[in-house]
């Protein structure tokens, strides 16, 4: 790990103070003190032995760490980093030091760590605008936080995980039936085909109104509730009346269920249809005078 060598060189060869080393390396004072204390216990001096490579050096100070070397950096778990930063007293510097101790030979510098974390946060804000993921219904209206990994999305309420979703690559809605209230879960047992089949049994105008509702939504599931509300009216009113009310609604482009209920309650569907009268006045009549009657 480059930071271990730098700290040892600056202290053992350069004679710098801990604060000067802190200013140069950006490693916290506490970590520098701990590392120098370990170096003293190991009786290390400068220059270090030629056969002490980075892997061996890292193992001396961090025996439980992953000390493998690589030309590729180890990517931090950004959702975990983001969540840890909410804890009182936690800072990016402390998290970076934990990260470097875990991967001492393939870790980002502190400035790289901060820059990539800032970039990750920006991506979360932009990429989630076109996606919608469900949470348990009791959290509707609460402020939640979504952490997006490469393949998994984790949603938090405070420090508690309340939902996870496999990450979708297509804009739209991702929902779990278990997150819905009981009455909504019952709606999910329906399909557009089942709804239209029921509507067809009641009458063609009912089918037209239901079909229009399903087509007017980006996702047909969003129309299930209103369609079921209409179809359930067949338990209160004869099919003929419901079909007549839907014809009035279709002709007048009425899209709201309460408008159809109003038609039924007011018995408007029972009124005779108004015929368009194109009455033609007679052209010959004893009371009609022509040009010859005027001088």
C-alpha atoms as a PDB file:
ATOM      1  CA  UNK A   1       0.000   0.000   0.000  1.00  0.00           C
ATOM      2  CA  UNK A   2       1.502   3.297  -1.094  1.00  0.00           C
ATOM      3  CA  UNK A   3       0.184   5.198   1.942  1.00  0.00           C
ATOM      4  CA  UNK A   4       1.997   2.883   4.379  1.00  0.00           C
ATOM      5  CA  UNK A   5       5.318   3.453   2.620  1.00  0.00           C
ATOM      6  CA  UNK A   6       4.715   7.198   2.421  1.00  0.00           C
ATOM      7  CA  UNK A   7       3.917   7.493   6.126  1.00  0.00           C
ATOM      8  CA  UNK A   8       6.934   5.411   7.138  1.00  0.00           C
ATOM      9  CA  UNK A   9       9.246   7.357   4.799  1.00  0.00           C
ATOM     10  CA  UNK A  10       7.994  10.764   5.957  1.00  0.00           C
ATOM     11  CA  UNK A  11       8.381   9.803   9.618  1.00  0.00           C
ATOM     12  CA  UNK A  12      11.457   7.576   9.664  1.00  0.00           C
ATOM     13  CA  UNK A  13      13.461   9.251   6.917  1.00  0.00           C
ATOM     14  CA  UNK A  14      12.040  12.773   6.844  1.00  0.00           C
ATOM     15  CA  UNK A  15      11.363  13.248  10.552  1.00  0.00           C
ATOM     16  CA  UNK A  16       7.994  14.936   9.888  1.00  0.00           C
ATOM     17  CA  UNK A  17       5.479  15.406  12.666  1.00  0.00           C
ATOM     18  CA  UNK A  18       2.197  13.534  12.689  1.00  0.00           C
ATOM     19  CA  UNK A  19       0.312  16.718  11.686  1.00  0.00           C
ATOM     20  CA  UNK A  20       2.710  17.325   8.803  1.00  0.00           C
ATOM     21  CA  UNK A  21       2.222  13.745   7.630  1.00  0.00           C
ATOM     22  CA  UNK A  22      -1.539  14.232   7.950  1.00  0.00           C
ATOM     23  CA  UNK A  23      -1.395  17.338   5.725  1.00  0.00           C
ATOM     24  CA  UNK A  24       0.703  15.503   3.144  1.00  0.00           C
ATOM     25  CA  UNK A  25      -1.121  12.168   2.941  1.00  0.00           C
ATOM     26  CA  UNK A  26      -4.707  13.147   3.961  1.00  0.00           C
ATOM     27  CA  UNK A  27      -4.716  10.149   6.318  1.00  0.00           C
ATOM     28  CA  UNK A  28      -6.310  10.919   9.677  1.00  0.00           C
ATOM     29  CA  UNK A  29      -4.107  11.650  12.680  1.00  0.00           C
ATOM     30  CA  UNK A  30      -5.504   8.663  14.577  1.00  0.00           C
ATOM     31  CA  UNK A  31      -4.667   6.265  11.754  1.00  0.00           C
ATOM     32  CA  UNK A  32      -1.153   7.680  11.412  1.00  0.00           C
ATOM     33  CA  UNK A  33      -0.560   7.268  15.145  1.00  0.00           C
ATOM     34  CA  UNK A  34      -1.802   3.688  15.040  1.00  0.00           C
ATOM     35  CA  UNK A  35       0.348   2.821  12.021  1.00  0.00           C
ATOM     36  CA  UNK A  36       3.500   4.340  13.537  1.00  0.00           C
ATOM     37  CA  UNK A  37       2.840   2.515  16.804  1.00  0.00           C
ATOM     38  CA  UNK A  38       2.617  -0.757  14.891  1.00  0.00           C
ATOM     39  CA  UNK A  39       5.790   0.097  12.971  1.00  0.00           C
ATOM     40  CA  UNK A  40       7.593   0.615  16.284  1.00  0.00           C
ATOM     41  CA  UNK A  41       6.332  -2.727  17.590  1.00  0.00           C
ATOM     42  CA  UNK A  42       7.559  -4.384  14.376  1.00  0.00           C
ATOM     43  CA  UNK A  43      10.928  -2.590  14.783  1.00  0.00           C
ATOM     44  CA  UNK A  44      10.805  -1.256  11.224  1.00  0.00           C
ATOM     45  CA  UNK A  45      13.370   1.285  10.054  1.00  0.00           C
ATOM     46  CA  UNK A  46      14.025   3.197   6.858  1.00  0.00           C
ATOM     47  CA  UNK A  47      14.833   2.126   4.207  1.00  0.00           C
ATOM     48  CA  UNK A  48      12.600  -0.913   4.358  1.00  0.00           C
ATOM     49  CA  UNK A  49      14.070  -4.305   3.385  1.00  0.00           C
ATOM     50  CA  UNK A  50      14.259  -4.768  -0.392  1.00  0.00           C
ATOM     51  CA  UNK A  51      12.366  -8.054  -0.253  1.00  0.00           C
ATOM     52  CA  UNK A  52       9.396  -6.469   1.599  1.00  0.00           C
ATOM     53  CA  UNK A  53       6.934  -5.907  -1.247  1.00  0.00           C
ATOM     54  CA  UNK A  54       3.537  -4.204  -1.016  1.00  0.00           C
ATOM     55  CA  UNK A  55       1.630  -7.441  -0.305  1.00  0.00           C
ATOM     56  CA  UNK A  56       3.929  -8.428   2.557  1.00  0.00           C
ATOM     57  CA  UNK A  57       3.950  -4.894   3.946  1.00  0.00           C
ATOM     58  CA  UNK A  58       0.163  -4.710   3.924  1.00  0.00           C
ATOM     59  CA  UNK A  59      -0.070  -8.074   5.696  1.00  0.00           C
ATOM     60  CA  UNK A  60       2.150  -6.783   8.485  1.00  0.00           C
ATOM     61  CA  UNK A  61      -0.247  -3.942   9.261  1.00  0.00           C
ATOM     62  CA  UNK A  62      -3.583  -5.431   8.148  1.00  0.00           C
ATOM     63  CA  UNK A  63      -3.344  -9.219   8.594  1.00  0.00           C
ATOM     64  CA  UNK A  64      -7.060  -9.752   7.925  1.00  0.00           C
ATOM     65  CA  UNK A  65      -7.218  -7.597   4.780  1.00  0.00           C
ATOM     66  CA  UNK A  66      -7.410  -8.592   1.136  1.00  0.00           C
ATOM     67  CA  UNK A  67      -3.836  -7.707   0.196  1.00  0.00           C
ATOM     68  CA  UNK A  68      -3.876  -8.904  -3.407  1.00  0.00           C
ATOM     69  CA  UNK A  69      -2.362  -6.488  -5.894  1.00  0.00           C
ATOM     70  CA  UNK A  70      -4.138  -5.499  -9.102  1.00  0.00           C
ATOM     71  CA  UNK A  71      -4.001  -2.866 -11.818  1.00  0.00           C
ATOM     72  CA  UNK A  72      -7.764  -2.411 -11.268  1.00  0.00           C
ATOM     73  CA  UNK A  73      -9.120  -0.585  -8.250  1.00  0.00           C
ATOM     74  CA  UNK A  74     -11.575  -2.212  -5.880  1.00  0.00           C
ATOM     75  CA  UNK A  75     -14.933  -0.416  -6.299  1.00  0.00           C
ATOM     76  CA  UNK A  76     -16.427   0.504  -2.907  1.00  0.00           C
ATOM     77  CA  UNK A  77     -19.976  -0.594  -2.122  1.00  0.00           C
ATOM     78  CA  UNK A  78     -21.480   2.851  -2.672  1.00  0.00           C
ATOM     79  CA  UNK A  79     -24.977   2.082  -1.279  1.00  0.00           C
ATOM     80  CA  UNK A  80     -23.348   0.913   1.959  1.00  0.00           C
ATOM     81  CA  UNK A  81     -21.082   3.978   2.023  1.00  0.00           C
ATOM     82  CA  UNK A  82     -24.083   6.246   1.508  1.00  0.00           C
ATOM     83  CA  UNK A  83     -26.019   4.584   4.314  1.00  0.00           C
ATOM     84  CA  UNK A  84     -23.060   4.636   6.711  1.00  0.00           C
ATOM     85  CA  UNK A  85     -22.642   8.385   6.216  1.00  0.00           C
ATOM     86  CA  UNK A  86     -25.996   8.907   7.939  1.00  0.00           C
ATOM     87  CA  UNK A  87     -24.599   7.653  11.207  1.00  0.00           C
ATOM     88  CA  UNK A  88     -23.668  10.366  13.725  1.00  0.00           C
ATOM     89  CA  UNK A  89     -19.978  11.242  13.543  1.00  0.00           C
ATOM     90  CA  UNK A  90     -19.321   9.230  10.386  1.00  0.00           C
ATOM     91  CA  UNK A  91     -17.306  10.937   7.645  1.00  0.00           C
ATOM     92  CA  UNK A  92     -16.082  10.064   4.172  1.00  0.00           C
ATOM     93  CA  UNK A  93     -12.523  10.111   5.488  1.00  0.00           C
ATOM     94  CA  UNK A  94     -13.256   7.457   8.105  1.00  0.00           C
ATOM     95  CA  UNK A  95     -15.029   5.276   5.559  1.00  0.00           C
ATOM     96  CA  UNK A  96     -12.180   5.700   3.117  1.00  0.00           C
ATOM     97  CA  UNK A  97      -9.684   4.594   5.769  1.00  0.00           C
ATOM     98  CA  UNK A  98     -11.760   1.477   6.488  1.00  0.00           C
ATOM     99  CA  UNK A  99     -11.860   0.802   2.751  1.00  0.00           C
ATOM    100  CA  UNK A 100      -8.084   1.206   2.373  1.00  0.00           C
ATOM    101  CA  UNK A 101      -7.468  -1.123   5.289  1.00  0.00           C
ATOM    102  CA  UNK A 102      -9.666  -3.749   3.669  1.00  0.00           C
ATOM    103  CA  UNK A 103      -8.092  -3.405   0.209  1.00  0.00           C
ATOM    104  CA  UNK A 104      -4.682  -1.820   0.881  1.00  0.00           C
ATOM    105  CA  UNK A 105      -3.105  -2.629  -2.498  1.00  0.00           C
ATOM    106  CA  UNK A 106      -5.920  -1.698  -4.858  1.00  0.00           C
ATOM    107  CA  UNK A 107      -7.738   1.209  -3.240  1.00  0.00           C
ATOM    108  CA  UNK A 108      -8.558   4.667  -4.543  1.00  0.00           C
ATOM    109  CA  UNK A 109      -6.876   7.727  -3.106  1.00  0.00           C
ATOM    110  CA  UNK A 110      -9.073   9.827  -0.828  1.00  0.00           C
ATOM    111  CA  UNK A 111      -9.768  12.416  -3.543  1.00  0.00           C
ATOM    112  CA  UNK A 112     -10.667   9.652  -6.028  1.00  0.00           C
ATOM    113  CA  UNK A 113     -12.923   8.040  -3.435  1.00  0.00           C
ATOM    114  CA  UNK A 114     -14.801  11.315  -2.842  1.00  0.00           C
ATOM    115  CA  UNK A 115     -15.054  12.101  -6.547  1.00  0.00           C
ATOM    116  CA  UNK A 116     -16.469   8.687  -7.449  1.00  0.00           C
ATOM    117  CA  UNK A 117     -18.928   8.791  -4.576  1.00  0.00           C
ATOM    118  CA  UNK A 118     -20.158  12.199  -5.767  1.00  0.00           C
ATOM    119  CA  UNK A 119     -20.490  10.807  -9.309  1.00  0.00           C
ATOM    120  CA  UNK A 120     -22.448   7.782  -8.017  1.00  0.00           C
ATOM    121  CA  UNK A 121     -24.912  10.031  -6.146  1.00  0.00           C
ATOM    122  CA  UNK A 122     -25.480  12.092  -9.273  1.00  0.00           C
ATOM    123  CA  UNK A 123     -26.281   8.957 -11.262  1.00  0.00           C
ATOM    124  CA  UNK A 124     -28.850   7.857  -8.696  1.00  0.00           C
ATOM    125  CA  UNK A 125     -30.760  11.127  -9.011  1.00  0.00           C
ATOM    126  CA  UNK A 126     -30.768  11.072 -12.812  1.00  0.00           C
ATOM    127  CA  UNK A 127     -31.387   7.384 -13.501  1.00  0.00           C
ATOM    128  CA  UNK A 128     -34.283   6.929 -11.072  1.00  0.00           C
ATOM    129  CA  UNK A 129     -36.484   9.668 -12.543  1.00  0.00           C
ATOM    130  CA  UNK A 130     -37.946   7.331 -15.186  1.00  0.00           C
ATOM    131  CA  UNK A 131     -38.480   4.379 -12.880  1.00  0.00           C
ATOM    132  CA  UNK A 132     -41.054   3.644 -10.216  1.00  0.00           C
ATOM    133  CA  UNK A 133     -40.640   0.947  -7.575  1.00  0.00           C
ATOM    134  CA  UNK A 134     -43.154  -0.163  -5.007  1.00  0.00           C
ATOM    135  CA  UNK A 135     -42.761  -0.118  -1.232  1.00  0.00           C
ATOM    136  CA  UNK A 136     -45.070  -1.517   1.483  1.00  0.00           C
ATOM    137  CA  UNK A 137     -48.226   0.598   1.473  1.00  0.00           C
ATOM    138  CA  UNK A 138     -47.719   1.831   5.056  1.00  0.00           C
ATOM    139  CA  UNK A 139     -44.742   3.894   3.815  1.00  0.00           C
ATOM    140  CA  UNK A 140     -46.728   5.813   1.197  1.00  0.00           C
ATOM    141  CA  UNK A 141     -46.164   9.522   1.852  1.00  0.00           C
ATOM    142  CA  UNK A 142     -42.984   8.928   3.862  1.00  0.00           C
ATOM    143  CA  UNK A 143     -39.537  10.116   2.756  1.00  0.00           C
ATOM    144  CA  UNK A 144     -37.593   7.070   1.580  1.00  0.00           C
ATOM    145  CA  UNK A 145     -34.170   6.629   0.081  1.00  0.00           C
ATOM    146  CA  UNK A 146     -33.297   4.400  -2.853  1.00  0.00           C
ATOM    147  CA  UNK A 147     -29.832   2.908  -3.286  1.00  0.00           C
ATOM    148  CA  UNK A 148     -29.131   1.486  -6.739  1.00  0.00           C
ATOM    149  CA  UNK A 149     -26.559  -1.239  -7.307  1.00  0.00           C
ATOM    150  CA  UNK A 150     -25.725  -2.838 -10.647  1.00  0.00           C
ATOM    151  CA  UNK A 151     -28.422  -5.478 -10.294  1.00  0.00           C
ATOM    152  CA  UNK A 152     -30.331  -4.725  -7.085  1.00  0.00           C
ATOM    153  CA  UNK A 153     -32.232  -1.724  -5.718  1.00  0.00           C
ATOM    154  CA  UNK A 154     -32.538  -1.280  -1.964  1.00  0.00           C
ATOM    155  CA  UNK A 155     -35.068   1.144  -0.447  1.00  0.00           C
ATOM    156  CA  UNK A 156     -34.538   2.485   3.088  1.00  0.00           C
ATOM    157  CA  UNK A 157     -36.773   4.179   5.620  1.00  0.00           C
ATOM    158  CA  UNK A 158     -34.247   5.741   7.973  1.00  0.00           C
ATOM    159  CA  UNK A 159     -31.775   2.936   8.714  1.00  0.00           C
ATOM    160  CA  UNK A 160     -34.284   0.171   7.921  1.00  0.00           C
ATOM    161  CA  UNK A 161     -34.513  -1.708   4.624  1.00  0.00           C
ATOM    162  CA  UNK A 162     -38.171  -1.754   3.604  1.00  0.00           C
ATOM    163  CA  UNK A 163     -37.969  -3.127   0.045  1.00  0.00           C
ATOM    164  CA  UNK A 164     -35.597  -4.574  -2.527  1.00  0.00           C
ATOM    165  CA  UNK A 165     -36.116  -4.954  -6.285  1.00  0.00           C
ATOM    166  CA  UNK A 166     -34.138  -6.499  -9.098  1.00  0.00           C
ATOM    167  CA  UNK A 167     -33.039  -3.499 -11.115  1.00  0.00           C
ATOM    168  CA  UNK A 168     -35.082  -2.958 -14.271  1.00  0.00           C
ATOM    169  CA  UNK A 169     -33.382  -1.584 -17.376  1.00  0.00           C
ATOM    170  CA  UNK A 170     -36.641  -0.336 -18.884  1.00  0.00           C
ATOM    171  CA  UNK A 171     -38.527   2.751 -17.695  1.00  0.00           C
ATOM    172  CA  UNK A 172     -41.823   1.975 -16.033  1.00  0.00           C
ATOM    173  CA  UNK A 173     -43.353   0.560 -12.863  1.00  0.00           C
ATOM    174  CA  UNK A 174     -41.981  -2.335 -10.807  1.00  0.00           C
ATOM    175  CA  UNK A 175     -44.353  -3.549  -8.138  1.00  0.00           C
ATOM    176  CA  UNK A 176     -44.771  -6.414  -5.684  1.00  0.00           C
ATOM    177  CA  UNK A 177     -48.231  -7.621  -4.730  1.00  0.00           C
ATOM    178  CA  UNK A 178     -47.177  -7.932  -1.075  1.00  0.00           C
ATOM    179  CA  UNK A 179     -46.614  -4.165  -0.893  1.00  0.00           C
ATOM    180  CA  UNK A 180     -50.240  -3.395  -1.721  1.00  0.00           C
ATOM    181  CA  UNK A 181     -53.220  -3.060   0.616  1.00  0.00           C
ATOM    182  CA  UNK A 182     -55.485  -6.122   0.598  1.00  0.00           C
ATOM    183  CA  UNK A 183     -58.069  -4.516  -1.694  1.00  0.00           C
ATOM    184  CA  UNK A 184     -55.362  -3.643  -4.233  1.00  0.00           C
ATOM    185  CA  UNK A 185     -53.965  -7.178  -4.193  1.00  0.00           C
ATOM    186  CA  UNK A 186     -57.410  -8.441  -5.134  1.00  0.00           C
ATOM    187  CA  UNK A 187     -57.372  -6.130  -8.174  1.00  0.00           C
ATOM    188  CA  UNK A 188     -54.105  -7.680  -9.352  1.00  0.00           C
ATOM    189  CA  UNK A 189     -55.891 -11.018  -9.816  1.00  0.00           C
ATOM    190  CA  UNK A 190     -57.600  -9.483 -12.851  1.00  0.00           C
ATOM    191  CA  UNK A 191     -56.350  -9.074 -16.415  1.00  0.00           C
ATOM    192  CA  UNK A 192     -57.558  -6.808 -19.229  1.00  0.00           C
ATOM    193  CA  UNK A 193     -58.993  -9.887 -20.936  1.00  0.00           C
ATOM    194  CA  UNK A 194     -61.076 -10.903 -17.915  1.00  0.00           C
ATOM    195  CA  UNK A 195     -62.382  -7.369 -17.435  1.00  0.00           C
ATOM    196  CA  UNK A 196     -63.401  -7.037 -21.084  1.00  0.00           C
ATOM    197  CA  UNK A 197     -65.032 -10.454 -21.061  1.00  0.00           C
ATOM    198  CA  UNK A 198     -67.228  -9.428 -18.114  1.00  0.00           C
ATOM    199  CA  UNK A 199     -68.010  -6.099 -19.793  1.00  0.00           C
ATOM    200  CA  UNK A 200     -68.956  -7.874 -23.039  1.00  0.00           C
ATOM    201  CA  UNK A 201     -71.454 -10.041 -21.159  1.00  0.00           C
ATOM    202  CA  UNK A 202     -73.217  -6.902 -19.875  1.00  0.00           C
ATOM    203  CA  UNK A 203     -73.352  -5.042 -23.181  1.00  0.00           C
ATOM    204  CA  UNK A 204     -71.346  -3.505 -26.063  1.00  0.00           C
ATOM    205  CA  UNK A 205     -71.454   0.015 -24.632  1.00  0.00           C
ATOM    206  CA  UNK A 206     -70.049  -1.248 -21.332  1.00  0.00           C
ATOM    207  CA  UNK A 207     -67.271  -3.024 -23.240  1.00  0.00           C
ATOM    208  CA  UNK A 208     -66.463   0.175 -25.148  1.00  0.00           C
ATOM    209  CA  UNK A 209     -66.210   2.225 -21.946  1.00  0.00           C
ATOM    210  CA  UNK A 210     -64.015  -0.368 -20.171  1.00  0.00           C
ATOM    211  CA  UNK A 211     -61.770  -0.765 -23.209  1.00  0.00           C
ATOM    212  CA  UNK A 212     -61.339   3.004 -23.367  1.00  0.00           C
ATOM    213  CA  UNK A 213     -60.300   3.112 -19.730  1.00  0.00           C
ATOM    214  CA  UNK A 214     -57.686   0.380 -20.211  1.00  0.00           C
ATOM    215  CA  UNK A 215     -56.234   2.051 -23.296  1.00  0.00           C
ATOM    216  CA  UNK A 216     -56.102   5.506 -21.696  1.00  0.00           C
ATOM    217  CA  UNK A 217     -53.567   4.414 -19.066  1.00  0.00           C
ATOM    218  CA  UNK A 218     -49.842   3.922 -19.588  1.00  0.00           C
ATOM    219  CA  UNK A 219     -50.241   0.663 -17.679  1.00  0.00           C
ATOM    220  CA  UNK A 220     -53.632  -1.103 -17.897  1.00  0.00           C
ATOM    221  CA  UNK A 221     -53.368  -2.098 -14.225  1.00  0.00           C
ATOM    222  CA  UNK A 222     -53.937   1.532 -13.318  1.00  0.00           C
ATOM    223  CA  UNK A 223     -57.474   1.270 -14.704  1.00  0.00           C
ATOM    224  CA  UNK A 224     -58.481  -1.940 -12.915  1.00  0.00           C
ATOM    225  CA  UNK A 225     -60.050  -0.175  -9.964  1.00  0.00           C
ATOM    226  CA  UNK A 226     -62.347   2.079 -12.003  1.00  0.00           C
ATOM    227  CA  UNK A 227     -63.271  -0.762 -14.379  1.00  0.00           C
ATOM    228  CA  UNK A 228     -64.194  -3.052 -11.499  1.00  0.00           C
ATOM    229  CA  UNK A 229     -66.184  -0.208  -9.961  1.00  0.00           C
ATOM    230  CA  UNK A 230     -68.257   0.047 -13.142  1.00  0.00           C
ATOM    231  CA  UNK A 231     -68.694  -3.688 -13.619  1.00  0.00           C
ATOM    232  CA  UNK A 232     -69.802  -4.155 -10.018  1.00  0.00           C
ATOM    233  CA  UNK A 233     -72.692  -1.779 -10.726  1.00  0.00           C
ATOM    234  CA  UNK A 234     -74.247  -4.701 -12.582  1.00  0.00           C
ATOM    235  CA  UNK A 235     -75.127  -6.074  -9.134  1.00  0.00           C
ATOM    236  CA  UNK A 236     -77.231  -2.988  -8.412  1.00  0.00           C
ATOM    237  CA  UNK A 237     -78.685  -2.259 -11.843  1.00  0.00           C
ATOM    238  CA  UNK A 238     -79.981  -4.445 -14.696  1.00  0.00           C
ATOM    239  CA  UNK A 239     -77.548  -4.968 -17.560  1.00  0.00           C
ATOM    240  CA  UNK A 240     -79.824  -3.022 -19.905  1.00  0.00           C
ATOM    241  CA  UNK A 241     -79.690   0.083 -17.717  1.00  0.00           C
ATOM    242  CA  UNK A 242     -75.922  -0.079 -17.211  1.00  0.00           C
ATOM    243  CA  UNK A 243     -75.392  -0.504 -20.937  1.00  0.00           C
ATOM    244  CA  UNK A 244     -77.690   2.472 -21.640  1.00  0.00           C
ATOM    245  CA  UNK A 245     -75.808   4.627 -19.108  1.00  0.00           C
ATOM    246  CA  UNK A 246     -72.487   3.702 -20.734  1.00  0.00           C
ATOM    247  CA  UNK A 247     -73.884   4.661 -24.143  1.00  0.00           C
ATOM    248  CA  UNK A 248     -74.685   8.136 -22.815  1.00  0.00           C
ATOM    249  CA  UNK A 249     -71.168   8.306 -21.340  1.00  0.00           C
ATOM    250  CA  UNK A 250     -69.518   7.104 -24.554  1.00  0.00           C
ATOM    251  CA  UNK A 251     -71.477   9.541 -26.727  1.00  0.00           C
ATOM    252  CA  UNK A 252     -70.585  12.459 -24.439  1.00  0.00           C
ATOM    253  CA  UNK A 253     -66.961  11.276 -23.784  1.00  0.00           C
ATOM    254  CA  UNK A 254     -67.595  10.971 -20.055  1.00  0.00           C
ATOM    255  CA  UNK A 255     -64.583   9.192 -18.516  1.00  0.00           C
ATOM    256  CA  UNK A 256     -65.361   9.307 -14.802  1.00  0.00           C
ATOM    257  CA  UNK A 257     -67.166   6.532 -12.961  1.00  0.00           C
ATOM    258  CA  UNK A 258     -69.114   8.971 -10.806  1.00  0.00           C
ATOM    259  CA  UNK A 259     -70.633  10.454 -13.965  1.00  0.00           C
ATOM    260  CA  UNK A 260     -72.102   7.070 -14.885  1.00  0.00           C
ATOM    261  CA  UNK A 261     -73.348   6.602 -11.332  1.00  0.00           C
ATOM    262  CA  UNK A 262     -75.033   9.995 -11.575  1.00  0.00           C
ATOM    263  CA  UNK A 263     -76.757   8.978 -14.829  1.00  0.00           C
ATOM    264  CA  UNK A 264     -78.141   5.861 -13.160  1.00  0.00           C
ATOM    265  CA  UNK A 265     -79.226   7.581  -9.949  1.00  0.00           C
ATOM    266  CA  UNK A 266     -81.049  10.308 -11.860  1.00  0.00           C
ATOM    267  CA  UNK A 267     -82.703   7.720 -14.169  1.00  0.00           C
ATOM    268  CA  UNK A 268     -81.390   9.621 -17.140  1.00  0.00           C
ATOM    269  CA  UNK A 269     -80.745   6.314 -18.881  1.00  0.00           C
ATOM    270  CA  UNK A 270     -84.522   5.643 -18.779  1.00  0.00           C
ATOM    271  CA  UNK A 271     -85.504   8.805 -20.621  1.00  0.00           C
ATOM    272  CA  UNK A 272     -86.497   8.327 -24.266  1.00  0.00           C
ATOM    273  CA  UNK A 273     -83.780   9.268 -26.669  1.00  0.00           C
ATOM    274  CA  UNK A 274     -84.310  12.672 -28.243  1.00  0.00           C
ATOM    275  CA  UNK A 275     -84.781  12.406 -31.954  1.00  0.00           C
ATOM    276  CA  UNK A 276     -83.375  14.962 -34.299  1.00  0.00           C
ATOM    277  CA  UNK A 277     -86.386  16.569 -35.900  1.00  0.00           C
ATOM    278  CA  UNK A 278     -85.872  17.975 -39.323  1.00  0.00           C
ATOM    279  CA  UNK A 279     -89.361  19.371 -39.803  1.00  0.00           C
ATOM    280  CA  UNK A 280     -89.994  20.935 -43.173  1.00  0.00           C
ATOM    281  CA  UNK A 281     -92.549  23.698 -43.369  1.00  0.00           C
ATOM    282  CA  UNK A 282     -95.069  23.366 -46.220  1.00  0.00           C
ATOM    283  CA  UNK A 283     -94.309  25.597 -49.151  1.00  0.00           C
ATOM    284  CA  UNK A 284     -97.988  26.036 -50.146  1.00  0.00           C
ATOM    285  CA  UNK A 285    -100.564  27.247 -47.610  1.00  0.00           C
ATOM    286  CA  UNK A 286    -103.492  29.683 -47.747  1.00  0.00           C
ATOM    287  CA  UNK A 287    -101.837  31.899 -45.131  1.00  0.00           C
ATOM    288  CA  UNK A 288     -98.528  32.066 -46.967  1.00  0.00           C
ATOM    289  CA  UNK A 289     -98.173  35.027 -49.300  1.00  0.00           C
ATOM    290  CA  UNK A 290     -95.807  35.269 -52.182  1.00  0.00           C
ATOM    291  CA  UNK A 291     -94.237  38.203 -54.093  1.00  0.00           C
ATOM    292  CA  UNK A 292     -97.422  38.801 -56.074  1.00  0.00           C
ATOM    293  CA  UNK A 293     -99.221  39.838 -52.890  1.00  0.00           C
ATOM    294  CA  UNK A 294     -96.923  42.799 -52.333  1.00  0.00           C
ATOM    295  CA  UNK A 295     -96.608  45.963 -54.470  1.00  0.00           C
END
